[in-house]
């Protein structure tokens, strides 16, 4: 009986899905920190190596939904951009192979921004599958700013600037 219990513990122990631990959290944080550092240095080889081939980057403008090649064409001529992480929260799927995050960022030109996204564990480490950069809007300012956005969009539809 004791042998059978040990047998079941061993079998079911190996069948349990892997769960993310401290090493995975460190890996995700390292990937995101390297991503931001490479953008700041305009080190595009490093930056784009951290994105999956089918990745999507969502920028702050409603029109900015870029696949990797389109985003590369946008970024390569630039001198980079610097966003400094203020805080970050990371979660993992139960199998530990996918992570999602949200982070508050500081930028000298834009102030507070927010990055959210998804990372996937690959044979080469954690890679970013989706990144979304936004400007968090204080609720007290939302009505006035969204009215400005609506007016801007209406002018664009009619060809006015």
C-alpha atoms as a PDB file:
ATOM      1  CA  UNK A   1       0.000   0.000   0.000  1.00  0.00           C
ATOM      2  CA  UNK A   2       2.778   2.425   0.926  1.00  0.00           C
ATOM      3  CA  UNK A   3       4.490   1.705  -2.403  1.00  0.00           C
ATOM      4  CA  UNK A   4       1.256   2.423  -4.245  1.00  0.00           C
ATOM      5  CA  UNK A   5       0.832   5.777  -2.463  1.00  0.00           C
ATOM      6  CA  UNK A   6       4.405   6.787  -3.327  1.00  0.00           C
ATOM      7  CA  UNK A   7       3.762   5.681  -6.919  1.00  0.00           C
ATOM      8  CA  UNK A   8       0.634   7.874  -7.182  1.00  0.00           C
ATOM      9  CA  UNK A   9       2.399  10.851  -5.609  1.00  0.00           C
ATOM     10  CA  UNK A  10       5.234  10.546  -8.110  1.00  0.00           C
ATOM     11  CA  UNK A  11       2.937  10.098 -11.115  1.00  0.00           C
ATOM     12  CA  UNK A  12       0.535  12.912 -10.224  1.00  0.00           C
ATOM     13  CA  UNK A  13       3.361  15.161  -9.081  1.00  0.00           C
ATOM     14  CA  UNK A  14       4.921  14.996 -12.542  1.00  0.00           C
ATOM     15  CA  UNK A  15       1.548  15.531 -14.206  1.00  0.00           C
ATOM     16  CA  UNK A  16       0.888  18.793 -12.369  1.00  0.00           C
ATOM     17  CA  UNK A  17       1.331  21.793 -14.634  1.00  0.00           C
ATOM     18  CA  UNK A  18       4.383  23.936 -14.114  1.00  0.00           C
ATOM     19  CA  UNK A  19       3.676  27.113 -12.233  1.00  0.00           C
ATOM     20  CA  UNK A  20       5.508  30.375 -12.453  1.00  0.00           C
ATOM     21  CA  UNK A  21       7.888  31.185  -9.661  1.00  0.00           C
ATOM     22  CA  UNK A  22      10.395  33.827  -8.647  1.00  0.00           C
ATOM     23  CA  UNK A  23      12.701  32.895 -11.536  1.00  0.00           C
ATOM     24  CA  UNK A  24       9.899  33.446 -14.048  1.00  0.00           C
ATOM     25  CA  UNK A  25       8.981  36.781 -12.493  1.00  0.00           C
ATOM     26  CA  UNK A  26      12.625  37.834 -12.663  1.00  0.00           C
ATOM     27  CA  UNK A  27      12.759  36.721 -16.314  1.00  0.00           C
ATOM     28  CA  UNK A  28       9.676  38.738 -17.270  1.00  0.00           C
ATOM     29  CA  UNK A  29      10.980  41.799 -15.414  1.00  0.00           C
ATOM     30  CA  UNK A  30      14.388  41.415 -17.064  1.00  0.00           C
ATOM     31  CA  UNK A  31      12.778  41.222 -20.526  1.00  0.00           C
ATOM     32  CA  UNK A  32      10.650  44.324 -19.935  1.00  0.00           C
ATOM     33  CA  UNK A  33      13.512  46.283 -18.357  1.00  0.00           C
ATOM     34  CA  UNK A  34      15.801  45.364 -21.267  1.00  0.00           C
ATOM     35  CA  UNK A  35      13.027  46.343 -23.705  1.00  0.00           C
ATOM     36  CA  UNK A  36      12.736  49.819 -22.172  1.00  0.00           C
ATOM     37  CA  UNK A  37      16.513  50.229 -21.917  1.00  0.00           C
ATOM     38  CA  UNK A  38      17.011  49.260 -25.564  1.00  0.00           C
ATOM     39  CA  UNK A  39      14.337  51.776 -26.644  1.00  0.00           C
ATOM     40  CA  UNK A  40      16.087  54.492 -24.667  1.00  0.00           C
ATOM     41  CA  UNK A  41      19.417  53.641 -26.342  1.00  0.00           C
ATOM     42  CA  UNK A  42      17.821  53.169 -29.793  1.00  0.00           C
ATOM     43  CA  UNK A  43      19.341  49.664 -29.724  1.00  0.00           C
ATOM     44  CA  UNK A  44      16.813  48.319 -32.181  1.00  0.00           C
ATOM     45  CA  UNK A  45      18.450  44.903 -32.620  1.00  0.00           C
ATOM     46  CA  UNK A  46      18.017  44.169 -28.916  1.00  0.00           C
ATOM     47  CA  UNK A  47      14.610  45.831 -28.756  1.00  0.00           C
ATOM     48  CA  UNK A  48      13.036  43.897 -31.609  1.00  0.00           C
ATOM     49  CA  UNK A  49      14.669  40.608 -30.590  1.00  0.00           C
ATOM     50  CA  UNK A  50      12.480  40.781 -27.471  1.00  0.00           C
ATOM     51  CA  UNK A  51       9.278  40.762 -29.559  1.00  0.00           C
ATOM     52  CA  UNK A  52       7.729  37.591 -30.968  1.00  0.00           C
ATOM     53  CA  UNK A  53       7.606  37.439 -34.757  1.00  0.00           C
ATOM     54  CA  UNK A  54       3.804  37.813 -34.676  1.00  0.00           C
ATOM     55  CA  UNK A  55       3.821  40.560 -32.048  1.00  0.00           C
ATOM     56  CA  UNK A  56       1.555  43.593 -32.016  1.00  0.00           C
ATOM     57  CA  UNK A  57       2.441  47.046 -30.686  1.00  0.00           C
ATOM     58  CA  UNK A  58      -0.474  49.330 -29.869  1.00  0.00           C
ATOM     59  CA  UNK A  59       0.567  52.961 -29.635  1.00  0.00           C
ATOM     60  CA  UNK A  60      -1.151  55.917 -28.041  1.00  0.00           C
ATOM     61  CA  UNK A  61      -2.931  57.027 -31.222  1.00  0.00           C
ATOM     62  CA  UNK A  62      -6.027  55.047 -32.236  1.00  0.00           C
ATOM     63  CA  UNK A  63      -4.415  54.407 -35.643  1.00  0.00           C
ATOM     64  CA  UNK A  64      -1.282  52.831 -34.136  1.00  0.00           C
ATOM     65  CA  UNK A  65      -1.772  49.063 -34.345  1.00  0.00           C
ATOM     66  CA  UNK A  66       1.494  47.764 -35.698  1.00  0.00           C
ATOM     67  CA  UNK A  67       2.784  44.309 -36.513  1.00  0.00           C
ATOM     68  CA  UNK A  68       6.498  43.798 -35.938  1.00  0.00           C
ATOM     69  CA  UNK A  69       7.745  44.780 -39.440  1.00  0.00           C
ATOM     70  CA  UNK A  70       5.592  47.929 -39.499  1.00  0.00           C
ATOM     71  CA  UNK A  71       6.734  48.922 -36.021  1.00  0.00           C
ATOM     72  CA  UNK A  72      10.363  48.335 -37.021  1.00  0.00           C
ATOM     73  CA  UNK A  73       9.940  50.655 -40.011  1.00  0.00           C
ATOM     74  CA  UNK A  74       8.531  53.303 -37.652  1.00  0.00           C
ATOM     75  CA  UNK A  75      11.233  52.944 -34.975  1.00  0.00           C
ATOM     76  CA  UNK A  76      14.457  52.419 -36.949  1.00  0.00           C
ATOM     77  CA  UNK A  77      14.870  56.031 -38.144  1.00  0.00           C
ATOM     78  CA  UNK A  78      14.295  57.427 -34.634  1.00  0.00           C
ATOM     79  CA  UNK A  79      16.735  58.130 -31.820  1.00  0.00           C
ATOM     80  CA  UNK A  80      14.615  56.127 -29.396  1.00  0.00           C
ATOM     81  CA  UNK A  81      12.390  57.053 -26.487  1.00  0.00           C
ATOM     82  CA  UNK A  82      12.766  56.801 -22.756  1.00  0.00           C
ATOM     83  CA  UNK A  83      10.076  55.509 -20.429  1.00  0.00           C
ATOM     84  CA  UNK A  84      11.111  54.834 -16.839  1.00  0.00           C
ATOM     85  CA  UNK A  85       9.187  52.204 -14.901  1.00  0.00           C
ATOM     86  CA  UNK A  86       7.505  53.532 -11.777  1.00  0.00           C
ATOM     87  CA  UNK A  87       5.656  50.342 -10.840  1.00  0.00           C
ATOM     88  CA  UNK A  88       4.793  47.020 -12.451  1.00  0.00           C
ATOM     89  CA  UNK A  89       2.387  44.153 -11.765  1.00  0.00           C
ATOM     90  CA  UNK A  90       2.875  40.739 -13.387  1.00  0.00           C
ATOM     91  CA  UNK A  91       0.545  37.724 -13.477  1.00  0.00           C
ATOM     92  CA  UNK A  92       0.950  34.259 -14.980  1.00  0.00           C
ATOM     93  CA  UNK A  93      -1.354  31.640 -16.444  1.00  0.00           C
ATOM     94  CA  UNK A  94      -1.608  28.463 -14.328  1.00  0.00           C
ATOM     95  CA  UNK A  95       0.810  26.589 -16.619  1.00  0.00           C
ATOM     96  CA  UNK A  96       3.386  29.383 -16.220  1.00  0.00           C
ATOM     97  CA  UNK A  97       3.967  29.813 -19.966  1.00  0.00           C
ATOM     98  CA  UNK A  98       2.188  33.133 -20.456  1.00  0.00           C
ATOM     99  CA  UNK A  99       2.471  36.339 -18.450  1.00  0.00           C
ATOM    100  CA  UNK A 100       0.544  39.572 -18.592  1.00  0.00           C
ATOM    101  CA  UNK A 101       1.494  42.839 -16.995  1.00  0.00           C
ATOM    102  CA  UNK A 102       0.616  46.439 -16.424  1.00  0.00           C
ATOM    103  CA  UNK A 103       3.132  49.124 -15.586  1.00  0.00           C
ATOM    104  CA  UNK A 104       3.124  52.826 -14.879  1.00  0.00           C
ATOM    105  CA  UNK A 105       5.853  54.680 -16.730  1.00  0.00           C
ATOM    106  CA  UNK A 106       7.336  58.162 -16.585  1.00  0.00           C
ATOM    107  CA  UNK A 107       8.397  60.089 -19.681  1.00  0.00           C
ATOM    108  CA  UNK A 108       9.869  63.594 -19.706  1.00  0.00           C
ATOM    109  CA  UNK A 109       7.703  64.718 -22.650  1.00  0.00           C
ATOM    110  CA  UNK A 110       4.403  63.013 -21.816  1.00  0.00           C
ATOM    111  CA  UNK A 111       4.545  62.490 -18.049  1.00  0.00           C
ATOM    112  CA  UNK A 112       2.710  59.426 -16.759  1.00  0.00           C
ATOM    113  CA  UNK A 113       1.887  56.665 -19.207  1.00  0.00           C
ATOM    114  CA  UNK A 114       0.839  53.045 -18.868  1.00  0.00           C
ATOM    115  CA  UNK A 115       2.148  49.969 -20.598  1.00  0.00           C
ATOM    116  CA  UNK A 116       0.235  46.707 -20.664  1.00  0.00           C
ATOM    117  CA  UNK A 117       0.983  43.535 -22.501  1.00  0.00           C
ATOM    118  CA  UNK A 118       1.516  39.822 -22.822  1.00  0.00           C
ATOM    119  CA  UNK A 119       4.720  37.788 -22.774  1.00  0.00           C
ATOM    120  CA  UNK A 120       5.167  34.187 -23.879  1.00  0.00           C
ATOM    121  CA  UNK A 121       7.793  31.751 -22.668  1.00  0.00           C
ATOM    122  CA  UNK A 122       9.895  30.622 -25.647  1.00  0.00           C
ATOM    123  CA  UNK A 123      12.998  28.476 -26.045  1.00  0.00           C
ATOM    124  CA  UNK A 124      14.925  31.772 -26.076  1.00  0.00           C
ATOM    125  CA  UNK A 125      13.325  33.104 -22.888  1.00  0.00           C
ATOM    126  CA  UNK A 126      10.407  35.462 -22.354  1.00  0.00           C
ATOM    127  CA  UNK A 127       9.259  37.380 -25.448  1.00  0.00           C
ATOM    128  CA  UNK A 128       6.712  40.166 -25.750  1.00  0.00           C
ATOM    129  CA  UNK A 129       3.708  39.158 -27.844  1.00  0.00           C
ATOM    130  CA  UNK A 130       1.732  42.353 -27.316  1.00  0.00           C
ATOM    131  CA  UNK A 131       2.596  45.759 -25.893  1.00  0.00           C
ATOM    132  CA  UNK A 132       0.080  48.575 -25.473  1.00  0.00           C
ATOM    133  CA  UNK A 133       1.200  52.088 -24.529  1.00  0.00           C
ATOM    134  CA  UNK A 134      -1.487  54.452 -23.226  1.00  0.00           C
ATOM    135  CA  UNK A 135      -1.885  57.718 -21.387  1.00  0.00           C
ATOM    136  CA  UNK A 136      -3.955  57.176 -18.243  1.00  0.00           C
ATOM    137  CA  UNK A 137      -6.548  59.886 -18.025  1.00  0.00           C
ATOM    138  CA  UNK A 138      -7.560  61.321 -14.634  1.00  0.00           C
ATOM    139  CA  UNK A 139     -11.321  60.888 -14.263  1.00  0.00           C
ATOM    140  CA  UNK A 140     -11.765  64.571 -13.419  1.00  0.00           C
ATOM    141  CA  UNK A 141     -10.282  65.505 -16.820  1.00  0.00           C
ATOM    142  CA  UNK A 142     -11.915  62.758 -18.901  1.00  0.00           C
ATOM    143  CA  UNK A 143     -15.011  64.644 -20.048  1.00  0.00           C
ATOM    144  CA  UNK A 144     -13.106  67.662 -21.374  1.00  0.00           C
ATOM    145  CA  UNK A 145     -10.381  65.618 -23.035  1.00  0.00           C
ATOM    146  CA  UNK A 146     -12.751  63.122 -24.651  1.00  0.00           C
ATOM    147  CA  UNK A 147     -14.773  66.056 -26.001  1.00  0.00           C
ATOM    148  CA  UNK A 148     -11.559  67.411 -27.557  1.00  0.00           C
ATOM    149  CA  UNK A 149     -10.836  64.001 -29.082  1.00  0.00           C
ATOM    150  CA  UNK A 150     -14.360  63.757 -30.500  1.00  0.00           C
ATOM    151  CA  UNK A 151     -14.079  67.241 -32.020  1.00  0.00           C
ATOM    152  CA  UNK A 152     -10.675  66.371 -33.495  1.00  0.00           C
ATOM    153  CA  UNK A 153     -12.017  63.143 -35.021  1.00  0.00           C
ATOM    154  CA  UNK A 154     -15.033  64.988 -36.460  1.00  0.00           C
ATOM    155  CA  UNK A 155     -12.728  67.570 -38.094  1.00  0.00           C
ATOM    156  CA  UNK A 156     -10.593  64.800 -39.571  1.00  0.00           C
ATOM    157  CA  UNK A 157     -13.658  63.113 -41.076  1.00  0.00           C
ATOM    158  CA  UNK A 158     -14.611  66.338 -42.828  1.00  0.00           C
ATOM    159  CA  UNK A 159     -11.051  67.022 -43.969  1.00  0.00           C
ATOM    160  CA  UNK A 160     -10.492  69.968 -41.646  1.00  0.00           C
ATOM    161  CA  UNK A 161      -7.475  70.273 -39.388  1.00  0.00           C
END
